[in-house]
N, C-alpha and C. Protein backbone atom coordinates (compact mmCIF):
# COMPACT_ATOMS: atom_id res chain seq x y z
N UNK A 1 -34.57 -9.83 -0.60
CA UNK A 1 -34.54 -10.27 0.77
C UNK A 1 -34.21 -11.74 0.87
N UNK A 2 -34.42 -12.49 -0.21
CA UNK A 2 -34.20 -13.92 -0.15
C UNK A 2 -32.75 -14.30 0.10
N UNK A 3 -31.80 -13.42 -0.27
CA UNK A 3 -30.39 -13.79 -0.07
C UNK A 3 -29.82 -13.24 1.23
N UNK A 4 -30.60 -12.56 2.01
CA UNK A 4 -30.11 -11.99 3.27
C UNK A 4 -29.55 -13.04 4.23
N UNK A 5 -30.22 -14.17 4.47
CA UNK A 5 -29.65 -15.16 5.38
C UNK A 5 -28.28 -15.66 4.91
N UNK A 6 -28.11 -15.86 3.61
CA UNK A 6 -26.82 -16.33 3.10
C UNK A 6 -25.75 -15.27 3.31
N UNK A 7 -26.06 -14.03 3.00
CA UNK A 7 -25.11 -12.94 3.18
C UNK A 7 -24.72 -12.84 4.65
N UNK A 8 -25.71 -12.87 5.54
CA UNK A 8 -25.41 -12.80 6.97
C UNK A 8 -24.61 -14.01 7.43
N UNK A 9 -24.94 -15.19 6.94
CA UNK A 9 -24.19 -16.39 7.31
C UNK A 9 -22.75 -16.29 6.84
N UNK A 10 -22.55 -15.80 5.60
CA UNK A 10 -21.18 -15.62 5.09
C UNK A 10 -20.41 -14.63 5.95
N UNK A 11 -21.07 -13.53 6.34
CA UNK A 11 -20.43 -12.52 7.18
C UNK A 11 -20.07 -13.12 8.53
N UNK A 12 -21.01 -13.90 9.12
CA UNK A 12 -20.74 -14.52 10.42
C UNK A 12 -19.59 -15.50 10.34
N UNK A 13 -19.51 -16.26 9.27
CA UNK A 13 -18.39 -17.20 9.10
C UNK A 13 -17.09 -16.43 8.98
N UNK A 14 -17.09 -15.34 8.19
CA UNK A 14 -15.87 -14.54 8.03
C UNK A 14 -15.44 -13.92 9.35
N UNK A 15 -16.37 -13.38 10.10
CA UNK A 15 -16.03 -12.78 11.40
C UNK A 15 -15.51 -13.85 12.33
N UNK A 16 -16.15 -14.99 12.33
CA UNK A 16 -15.72 -16.08 13.18
C UNK A 16 -14.29 -16.51 12.82
N UNK A 17 -13.99 -16.60 11.54
CA UNK A 17 -12.65 -16.97 11.11
C UNK A 17 -11.64 -15.91 11.53
N UNK A 18 -11.97 -14.63 11.34
CA UNK A 18 -11.07 -13.55 11.77
C UNK A 18 -10.81 -13.62 13.26
N UNK A 19 -11.87 -13.87 14.03
CA UNK A 19 -11.69 -14.00 15.48
C UNK A 19 -10.82 -15.19 15.83
N UNK A 20 -11.02 -16.30 15.14
CA UNK A 20 -10.20 -17.49 15.41
C UNK A 20 -8.74 -17.22 15.09
N UNK A 21 -8.48 -16.54 13.98
CA UNK A 21 -7.09 -16.19 13.63
C UNK A 21 -6.51 -15.29 14.71
N UNK A 22 -7.26 -14.27 15.11
CA UNK A 22 -6.78 -13.35 16.14
C UNK A 22 -6.43 -14.09 17.42
N UNK A 23 -7.34 -14.90 17.92
CA UNK A 23 -7.11 -15.58 19.19
C UNK A 23 -6.00 -16.63 19.08
N UNK A 24 -5.92 -17.31 17.95
CA UNK A 24 -4.84 -18.28 17.77
C UNK A 24 -3.48 -17.58 17.79
N UNK A 25 -3.41 -16.45 17.10
CA UNK A 25 -2.14 -15.71 17.05
C UNK A 25 -1.82 -15.10 18.41
N UNK A 26 -2.84 -14.56 19.09
CA UNK A 26 -2.63 -13.97 20.41
C UNK A 26 -2.16 -15.03 21.41
N UNK A 27 -2.62 -16.24 21.25
CA UNK A 27 -2.19 -17.33 22.13
C UNK A 27 -0.78 -17.80 21.76
N UNK A 28 -0.51 -17.91 20.46
CA UNK A 28 0.76 -18.45 20.01
C UNK A 28 1.92 -17.49 20.25
N UNK A 29 1.73 -16.20 19.97
CA UNK A 29 2.84 -15.24 20.04
C UNK A 29 3.59 -15.25 21.36
N UNK A 30 2.93 -14.99 22.47
CA UNK A 30 3.64 -14.99 23.76
C UNK A 30 4.19 -16.37 24.12
N UNK A 31 3.43 -17.43 23.78
CA UNK A 31 3.91 -18.79 24.09
C UNK A 31 5.17 -19.10 23.29
N UNK A 32 5.24 -18.63 22.06
CA UNK A 32 6.41 -18.83 21.20
C UNK A 32 7.64 -18.17 21.81
N UNK A 33 7.51 -16.95 22.26
CA UNK A 33 8.64 -16.24 22.88
C UNK A 33 9.09 -16.98 24.14
N UNK A 34 8.14 -17.37 24.98
CA UNK A 34 8.49 -18.13 26.20
C UNK A 34 9.18 -19.44 25.85
N UNK A 35 8.67 -20.13 24.83
CA UNK A 35 9.24 -21.40 24.39
C UNK A 35 10.69 -21.24 23.96
N UNK A 36 10.97 -20.23 23.16
CA UNK A 36 12.34 -20.02 22.69
C UNK A 36 13.29 -19.69 23.83
N UNK A 37 12.85 -18.84 24.73
CA UNK A 37 13.75 -18.35 25.77
C UNK A 37 13.82 -19.24 27.00
N UNK A 38 12.83 -20.13 27.18
CA UNK A 38 12.79 -20.95 28.39
C UNK A 38 13.98 -21.90 28.49
N UNK A 39 14.36 -22.50 27.40
CA UNK A 39 15.41 -23.51 27.49
C UNK A 39 16.72 -23.08 26.84
N UNK A 40 16.71 -21.94 26.21
CA UNK A 40 17.93 -21.47 25.56
C UNK A 40 18.84 -20.86 26.62
N UNK A 41 20.10 -21.29 26.61
CA UNK A 41 21.05 -20.75 27.57
C UNK A 41 21.47 -19.35 27.19
N UNK A 42 20.72 -18.38 27.64
CA UNK A 42 21.00 -16.99 27.29
C UNK A 42 22.19 -16.43 28.06
N UNK A 43 22.70 -17.19 29.01
CA UNK A 43 23.87 -16.74 29.76
C UNK A 43 23.64 -15.43 30.47
N UNK A 44 22.46 -15.25 31.03
CA UNK A 44 22.16 -14.02 31.75
C UNK A 44 21.68 -12.89 30.86
N UNK A 45 21.63 -13.10 29.57
CA UNK A 45 21.15 -12.07 28.65
C UNK A 45 19.64 -12.00 28.68
N UNK A 46 19.13 -10.80 28.54
CA UNK A 46 17.68 -10.63 28.38
C UNK A 46 17.33 -10.92 26.92
N UNK A 47 16.07 -11.23 26.64
CA UNK A 47 15.67 -11.38 25.25
C UNK A 47 15.98 -10.11 24.42
N UNK A 48 15.84 -8.93 25.03
CA UNK A 48 16.17 -7.68 24.32
C UNK A 48 17.67 -7.63 24.00
N UNK A 49 18.50 -8.10 24.92
CA UNK A 49 19.93 -8.15 24.67
C UNK A 49 20.27 -9.08 23.52
N UNK A 50 19.59 -10.21 23.47
CA UNK A 50 19.80 -11.16 22.38
C UNK A 50 19.39 -10.52 21.06
N UNK A 51 18.26 -9.80 21.04
CA UNK A 51 17.81 -9.12 19.82
C UNK A 51 18.83 -8.10 19.35
N UNK A 52 19.42 -7.34 20.29
CA UNK A 52 20.41 -6.34 19.92
C UNK A 52 21.66 -7.01 19.36
N UNK A 53 22.14 -8.06 20.00
CA UNK A 53 23.31 -8.78 19.49
C UNK A 53 23.03 -9.34 18.10
N UNK A 54 21.84 -9.87 17.91
CA UNK A 54 21.47 -10.41 16.61
C UNK A 54 21.41 -9.32 15.55
N UNK A 55 20.86 -8.16 15.91
CA UNK A 55 20.82 -7.04 14.96
C UNK A 55 22.23 -6.62 14.56
N UNK A 56 23.14 -6.59 15.53
CA UNK A 56 24.54 -6.26 15.23
C UNK A 56 25.15 -7.29 14.30
N UNK A 57 24.89 -8.57 14.58
CA UNK A 57 25.48 -9.66 13.80
C UNK A 57 25.04 -9.59 12.34
N UNK A 58 23.82 -9.17 12.11
CA UNK A 58 23.26 -9.20 10.76
C UNK A 58 23.19 -7.83 10.09
N UNK A 59 23.74 -6.83 10.72
CA UNK A 59 23.73 -5.50 10.12
C UNK A 59 24.76 -5.46 8.99
N UNK A 60 24.46 -4.80 7.88
CA UNK A 60 25.39 -4.79 6.75
C UNK A 60 26.68 -4.00 6.99
N UNK A 61 26.67 -3.13 8.00
CA UNK A 61 27.86 -2.34 8.35
C UNK A 61 27.78 -2.04 9.84
N UNK A 62 28.87 -1.66 10.47
CA UNK A 62 28.77 -1.32 11.89
C UNK A 62 27.77 -0.18 12.09
N UNK A 63 26.73 -0.43 12.87
CA UNK A 63 25.68 0.58 13.04
C UNK A 63 26.03 1.61 14.10
N UNK A 64 25.39 2.76 13.98
CA UNK A 64 25.41 3.74 15.06
C UNK A 64 24.13 3.52 15.87
N UNK A 65 24.05 4.18 17.02
CA UNK A 65 22.90 3.98 17.90
C UNK A 65 21.57 4.20 17.18
N UNK A 66 21.48 5.25 16.37
CA UNK A 66 20.24 5.56 15.66
C UNK A 66 19.80 4.37 14.79
N UNK A 67 20.76 3.69 14.15
CA UNK A 67 20.42 2.51 13.34
C UNK A 67 19.79 1.42 14.20
N UNK A 68 20.37 1.20 15.38
CA UNK A 68 19.86 0.16 16.27
C UNK A 68 18.47 0.51 16.81
N UNK A 69 18.25 1.78 17.09
CA UNK A 69 16.92 2.22 17.53
C UNK A 69 15.90 1.87 16.46
N UNK A 70 16.21 2.17 15.21
CA UNK A 70 15.30 1.88 14.11
C UNK A 70 15.15 0.37 13.91
N UNK A 71 16.25 -0.36 13.90
CA UNK A 71 16.20 -1.81 13.69
C UNK A 71 15.38 -2.52 14.75
N UNK A 72 15.52 -2.10 15.99
CA UNK A 72 14.83 -2.77 17.10
C UNK A 72 13.45 -2.20 17.38
N UNK A 73 13.15 -1.05 16.79
CA UNK A 73 11.84 -0.44 16.99
C UNK A 73 11.61 -0.03 18.43
N UNK A 74 12.63 0.53 19.06
CA UNK A 74 12.54 0.93 20.46
C UNK A 74 13.07 2.34 20.63
N UNK A 75 13.33 2.74 21.86
CA UNK A 75 13.79 4.11 22.12
C UNK A 75 15.31 4.17 22.23
N UNK A 76 15.85 5.36 22.04
CA UNK A 76 17.29 5.56 22.18
C UNK A 76 17.73 5.23 23.61
N UNK A 77 16.92 5.59 24.56
CA UNK A 77 17.26 5.31 25.96
C UNK A 77 17.37 3.80 26.21
N UNK A 78 16.44 3.03 25.67
CA UNK A 78 16.47 1.58 25.84
C UNK A 78 17.70 0.97 25.18
N UNK A 79 18.03 1.43 23.97
CA UNK A 79 19.20 0.90 23.27
C UNK A 79 20.47 1.28 24.03
N UNK A 80 20.56 2.50 24.51
CA UNK A 80 21.74 2.93 25.28
C UNK A 80 21.92 2.04 26.51
N UNK A 81 20.84 1.76 27.22
CA UNK A 81 20.92 0.89 28.38
C UNK A 81 21.37 -0.52 28.03
N UNK A 82 20.84 -1.04 26.93
CA UNK A 82 21.26 -2.37 26.48
C UNK A 82 22.74 -2.39 26.10
N UNK A 83 23.16 -1.39 25.34
CA UNK A 83 24.56 -1.32 24.92
C UNK A 83 25.47 -1.18 26.15
N UNK A 84 25.07 -0.37 27.11
CA UNK A 84 25.86 -0.24 28.35
C UNK A 84 26.07 -1.60 29.01
N UNK A 85 24.98 -2.34 29.17
CA UNK A 85 25.05 -3.66 29.82
C UNK A 85 25.91 -4.63 29.00
N UNK A 86 25.67 -4.68 27.70
CA UNK A 86 26.42 -5.61 26.85
C UNK A 86 27.89 -5.24 26.77
N UNK A 87 28.19 -3.95 26.84
CA UNK A 87 29.59 -3.51 26.85
C UNK A 87 30.26 -3.94 28.16
N UNK A 88 29.57 -3.78 29.27
CA UNK A 88 30.12 -4.21 30.56
C UNK A 88 30.38 -5.72 30.58
N UNK A 89 29.55 -6.48 29.85
CA UNK A 89 29.71 -7.93 29.79
C UNK A 89 30.74 -8.36 28.75
N UNK A 90 31.34 -7.39 28.05
CA UNK A 90 32.36 -7.70 27.06
C UNK A 90 31.83 -8.25 25.75
N UNK A 91 30.56 -7.97 25.44
CA UNK A 91 29.94 -8.51 24.23
C UNK A 91 29.92 -7.52 23.07
N UNK A 92 29.96 -6.22 23.38
CA UNK A 92 30.00 -5.19 22.34
C UNK A 92 31.04 -4.15 22.72
N UNK A 93 31.42 -3.37 21.71
CA UNK A 93 32.33 -2.24 21.99
C UNK A 93 31.82 -1.02 21.23
N UNK A 94 32.13 0.13 21.80
CA UNK A 94 31.82 1.40 21.16
C UNK A 94 33.11 1.95 20.58
N UNK A 95 33.02 2.47 19.37
CA UNK A 95 34.17 3.16 18.76
C UNK A 95 33.66 4.41 18.06
N UNK A 96 34.51 5.40 17.96
CA UNK A 96 34.14 6.65 17.28
C UNK A 96 33.97 6.40 15.79
N UNK A 97 32.98 7.04 15.24
CA UNK A 97 32.76 6.98 13.80
C UNK A 97 33.91 7.72 13.13
N UNK A 98 34.49 7.18 12.07
CA UNK A 98 35.66 7.82 11.46
C UNK A 98 35.37 9.17 10.81
N UNK A 99 34.11 9.42 10.40
CA UNK A 99 33.81 10.67 9.70
C UNK A 99 32.85 11.59 10.46
N UNK A 100 32.22 11.08 11.50
CA UNK A 100 31.25 11.88 12.25
C UNK A 100 31.60 11.79 13.73
N UNK A 101 32.21 12.83 14.26
CA UNK A 101 32.69 12.80 15.64
C UNK A 101 31.56 12.63 16.66
N UNK A 102 30.35 12.98 16.26
CA UNK A 102 29.22 12.85 17.19
C UNK A 102 28.68 11.43 17.26
N UNK A 103 28.99 10.61 16.27
CA UNK A 103 28.41 9.27 16.18
C UNK A 103 29.35 8.22 16.77
N UNK A 104 28.76 7.23 17.39
CA UNK A 104 29.50 6.11 17.96
C UNK A 104 29.04 4.84 17.26
N UNK A 105 30.01 4.07 16.76
CA UNK A 105 29.71 2.79 16.14
C UNK A 105 29.64 1.72 17.23
N UNK A 106 28.73 0.79 17.07
CA UNK A 106 28.58 -0.32 18.00
C UNK A 106 28.92 -1.60 17.24
N UNK A 107 29.87 -2.37 17.76
CA UNK A 107 30.27 -3.62 17.11
C UNK A 107 30.33 -4.75 18.12
N UNK A 108 30.20 -5.96 17.62
CA UNK A 108 30.33 -7.14 18.46
C UNK A 108 31.80 -7.40 18.75
N UNK A 109 32.10 -7.85 19.95
CA UNK A 109 33.43 -8.38 20.25
C UNK A 109 33.44 -9.84 19.80
N UNK A 110 34.59 -10.48 19.83
CA UNK A 110 34.62 -11.90 19.46
C UNK A 110 33.76 -12.71 20.43
N UNK A 111 33.76 -12.33 21.70
CA UNK A 111 32.90 -13.00 22.68
C UNK A 111 31.43 -12.80 22.31
N UNK A 112 31.07 -11.59 21.90
CA UNK A 112 29.70 -11.31 21.48
C UNK A 112 29.30 -12.13 20.26
N UNK A 113 30.22 -12.28 19.30
CA UNK A 113 29.94 -13.10 18.12
C UNK A 113 29.68 -14.55 18.52
N UNK A 114 30.49 -15.07 19.43
CA UNK A 114 30.31 -16.46 19.88
C UNK A 114 28.95 -16.63 20.57
N UNK A 115 28.61 -15.68 21.42
CA UNK A 115 27.34 -15.78 22.15
C UNK A 115 26.16 -15.72 21.19
N UNK A 116 26.15 -14.76 20.27
CA UNK A 116 25.00 -14.62 19.38
C UNK A 116 24.91 -15.82 18.44
N UNK A 117 26.03 -16.37 18.01
CA UNK A 117 25.99 -17.56 17.15
C UNK A 117 25.45 -18.77 17.91
N UNK A 118 25.86 -18.93 19.16
CA UNK A 118 25.39 -20.06 19.98
C UNK A 118 23.89 -19.93 20.23
N UNK A 119 23.45 -18.76 20.65
CA UNK A 119 22.03 -18.55 20.93
C UNK A 119 21.21 -18.72 19.65
N UNK A 120 21.72 -18.20 18.55
CA UNK A 120 21.02 -18.35 17.27
C UNK A 120 20.84 -19.80 16.89
N UNK A 121 21.90 -20.59 17.07
CA UNK A 121 21.81 -22.02 16.75
C UNK A 121 20.81 -22.72 17.67
N UNK A 122 20.82 -22.36 18.94
CA UNK A 122 19.86 -22.95 19.88
C UNK A 122 18.43 -22.57 19.52
N UNK A 123 18.22 -21.33 19.08
CA UNK A 123 16.88 -20.91 18.66
C UNK A 123 16.43 -21.73 17.45
N UNK A 124 17.33 -21.90 16.47
CA UNK A 124 16.98 -22.65 15.26
C UNK A 124 16.64 -24.10 15.63
N UNK A 125 17.44 -24.71 16.48
CA UNK A 125 17.17 -26.09 16.88
C UNK A 125 15.85 -26.21 17.63
N UNK A 126 15.59 -25.27 18.49
CA UNK A 126 14.35 -25.29 19.28
C UNK A 126 13.14 -25.08 18.37
N UNK A 127 13.25 -24.13 17.45
CA UNK A 127 12.16 -23.88 16.51
C UNK A 127 11.94 -25.09 15.60
N UNK A 128 13.02 -25.70 15.13
CA UNK A 128 12.91 -26.87 14.27
C UNK A 128 12.18 -28.01 14.97
N UNK A 129 12.46 -28.18 16.26
CA UNK A 129 11.78 -29.23 17.02
C UNK A 129 10.27 -28.96 17.09
N UNK A 130 9.90 -27.72 17.32
CA UNK A 130 8.48 -27.38 17.39
C UNK A 130 7.81 -27.51 16.03
N UNK A 131 8.40 -26.92 15.01
CA UNK A 131 7.77 -26.90 13.69
C UNK A 131 7.86 -28.24 12.99
N UNK A 132 8.61 -29.18 13.55
CA UNK A 132 8.68 -30.53 13.01
C UNK A 132 7.34 -31.25 13.05
N UNK A 133 6.40 -30.77 13.88
CA UNK A 133 5.07 -31.40 13.92
C UNK A 133 4.25 -31.01 12.70
N UNK A 134 4.70 -30.02 11.95
CA UNK A 134 4.00 -29.59 10.74
C UNK A 134 4.60 -30.30 9.53
N UNK A 135 3.77 -30.54 8.53
CA UNK A 135 4.28 -31.08 7.27
C UNK A 135 5.16 -30.03 6.59
N UNK A 136 5.97 -30.47 5.63
CA UNK A 136 6.80 -29.50 4.90
C UNK A 136 5.93 -28.46 4.20
N UNK A 137 4.79 -28.89 3.66
CA UNK A 137 3.90 -27.94 2.99
C UNK A 137 3.34 -26.93 3.98
N UNK A 138 2.94 -27.40 5.17
CA UNK A 138 2.44 -26.48 6.19
C UNK A 138 3.52 -25.49 6.61
N UNK A 139 4.76 -25.95 6.73
CA UNK A 139 5.86 -25.06 7.09
C UNK A 139 6.08 -24.02 5.99
N UNK A 140 6.05 -24.46 4.73
CA UNK A 140 6.22 -23.53 3.61
C UNK A 140 5.08 -22.51 3.59
N UNK A 141 3.86 -22.97 3.83
CA UNK A 141 2.71 -22.05 3.88
C UNK A 141 2.87 -21.05 5.02
N UNK A 142 3.32 -21.51 6.17
CA UNK A 142 3.51 -20.63 7.32
C UNK A 142 4.55 -19.55 7.02
N UNK A 143 5.66 -19.95 6.42
CA UNK A 143 6.70 -18.98 6.05
C UNK A 143 6.14 -17.94 5.08
N UNK A 144 5.39 -18.40 4.09
CA UNK A 144 4.80 -17.49 3.11
C UNK A 144 3.81 -16.53 3.78
N UNK A 145 2.92 -17.06 4.59
CA UNK A 145 1.90 -16.24 5.25
C UNK A 145 2.54 -15.22 6.19
N UNK A 146 3.48 -15.66 7.01
CA UNK A 146 4.13 -14.73 7.93
C UNK A 146 4.93 -13.67 7.17
N UNK A 147 5.51 -14.05 6.03
CA UNK A 147 6.21 -13.07 5.19
C UNK A 147 5.26 -12.00 4.67
N UNK A 148 4.10 -12.43 4.20
CA UNK A 148 3.09 -11.48 3.71
C UNK A 148 2.65 -10.54 4.83
N UNK A 149 2.36 -11.10 6.00
CA UNK A 149 1.92 -10.27 7.13
C UNK A 149 3.03 -9.33 7.59
N UNK A 150 4.26 -9.82 7.65
CA UNK A 150 5.38 -8.97 8.04
C UNK A 150 5.58 -7.83 7.06
N UNK A 151 5.50 -8.13 5.77
CA UNK A 151 5.63 -7.09 4.75
C UNK A 151 4.52 -6.05 4.88
N UNK A 152 3.31 -6.51 5.19
CA UNK A 152 2.18 -5.59 5.36
C UNK A 152 2.40 -4.67 6.55
N UNK A 153 2.93 -5.21 7.64
CA UNK A 153 3.22 -4.37 8.81
C UNK A 153 4.30 -3.34 8.48
N UNK A 154 5.31 -3.74 7.73
CA UNK A 154 6.35 -2.80 7.30
C UNK A 154 5.71 -1.71 6.43
N UNK A 155 4.87 -2.11 5.48
CA UNK A 155 4.23 -1.14 4.58
C UNK A 155 3.34 -0.17 5.35
N UNK A 156 2.73 -0.62 6.43
CA UNK A 156 1.87 0.24 7.24
C UNK A 156 2.66 1.06 8.26
N UNK A 157 3.97 0.90 8.25
CA UNK A 157 4.80 1.66 9.17
C UNK A 157 4.74 1.15 10.60
N UNK A 158 4.25 -0.06 10.79
CA UNK A 158 4.11 -0.63 12.12
C UNK A 158 5.28 -1.53 12.50
N UNK A 159 6.20 -1.73 11.60
CA UNK A 159 7.36 -2.57 11.88
C UNK A 159 8.48 -2.14 10.95
N UNK A 160 9.69 -2.44 11.35
CA UNK A 160 10.82 -2.19 10.48
C UNK A 160 11.18 -3.49 9.80
N UNK A 161 11.84 -3.38 8.66
CA UNK A 161 12.29 -4.59 7.98
C UNK A 161 13.26 -5.31 8.92
N UNK A 162 12.96 -6.53 9.30
CA UNK A 162 13.77 -7.19 10.33
C UNK A 162 15.14 -7.62 9.85
N UNK A 163 16.04 -7.65 10.81
CA UNK A 163 17.36 -8.25 10.61
C UNK A 163 17.57 -9.17 11.79
N UNK A 164 18.32 -10.20 11.58
CA UNK A 164 18.70 -11.01 12.73
C UNK A 164 18.16 -12.41 12.67
N UNK A 165 18.19 -13.07 13.79
CA UNK A 165 17.83 -14.47 13.89
C UNK A 165 16.43 -14.70 13.36
N UNK A 166 16.34 -15.68 12.46
CA UNK A 166 15.03 -16.05 11.97
C UNK A 166 14.46 -15.09 10.95
N UNK A 167 15.24 -14.17 10.46
CA UNK A 167 14.71 -13.17 9.54
C UNK A 167 15.41 -13.26 8.20
N UNK A 168 15.75 -14.45 7.78
CA UNK A 168 16.47 -14.64 6.54
C UNK A 168 15.53 -14.71 5.35
N UNK A 169 16.05 -15.17 4.22
CA UNK A 169 15.24 -15.26 3.01
C UNK A 169 13.97 -16.05 3.25
N UNK A 170 12.88 -15.57 2.69
CA UNK A 170 11.61 -16.24 2.84
C UNK A 170 10.79 -15.70 3.99
N UNK A 171 11.37 -14.87 4.81
CA UNK A 171 10.63 -14.27 5.92
C UNK A 171 10.75 -12.77 5.78
N UNK A 172 9.94 -12.22 4.90
CA UNK A 172 9.91 -10.78 4.77
C UNK A 172 11.00 -10.20 3.88
N UNK A 173 11.77 -11.06 3.22
CA UNK A 173 12.76 -10.54 2.28
C UNK A 173 13.02 -11.58 1.22
N UNK A 174 13.50 -11.15 0.09
CA UNK A 174 13.74 -12.09 -1.00
C UNK A 174 15.12 -12.71 -0.89
N UNK A 175 15.26 -13.88 -1.51
CA UNK A 175 16.55 -14.57 -1.43
C UNK A 175 17.54 -14.04 -2.44
């Protein structure tokens, strides 16, 4: 019984730390998204549209709709709506798959490439400005920690391996 207070104190400290991590992340996540999108000239694009363009830009081959559904972790209906809008804006095009008549390939137009590259650069600059308040070691630790957490979510089936802006080497994938 003599060690009970220490065990309880250790448990309380651990719970308190877990709660602090949870609340810090819950506060940071939405603020981070707002921060990136608030000043970036999306040119009328929704954040979901930017994610789709980015997924196309970083896909290893022209994807079909099913690939985009998996990459974005959303529904076929949502991806179809996004592709419809982006196609009307001249940012993507649909073409028939050469070997599967039922499948449609989605590719960026040159205008779409320019837009996703510009937005990507603006995101990097905006993120660099924010993370500049951290030391290089803190930034390296953050990349490592987020990579571990991202990999764990992928392993648990709660996320797909990301592609796109900000998902390069060191963030959930090896260099």
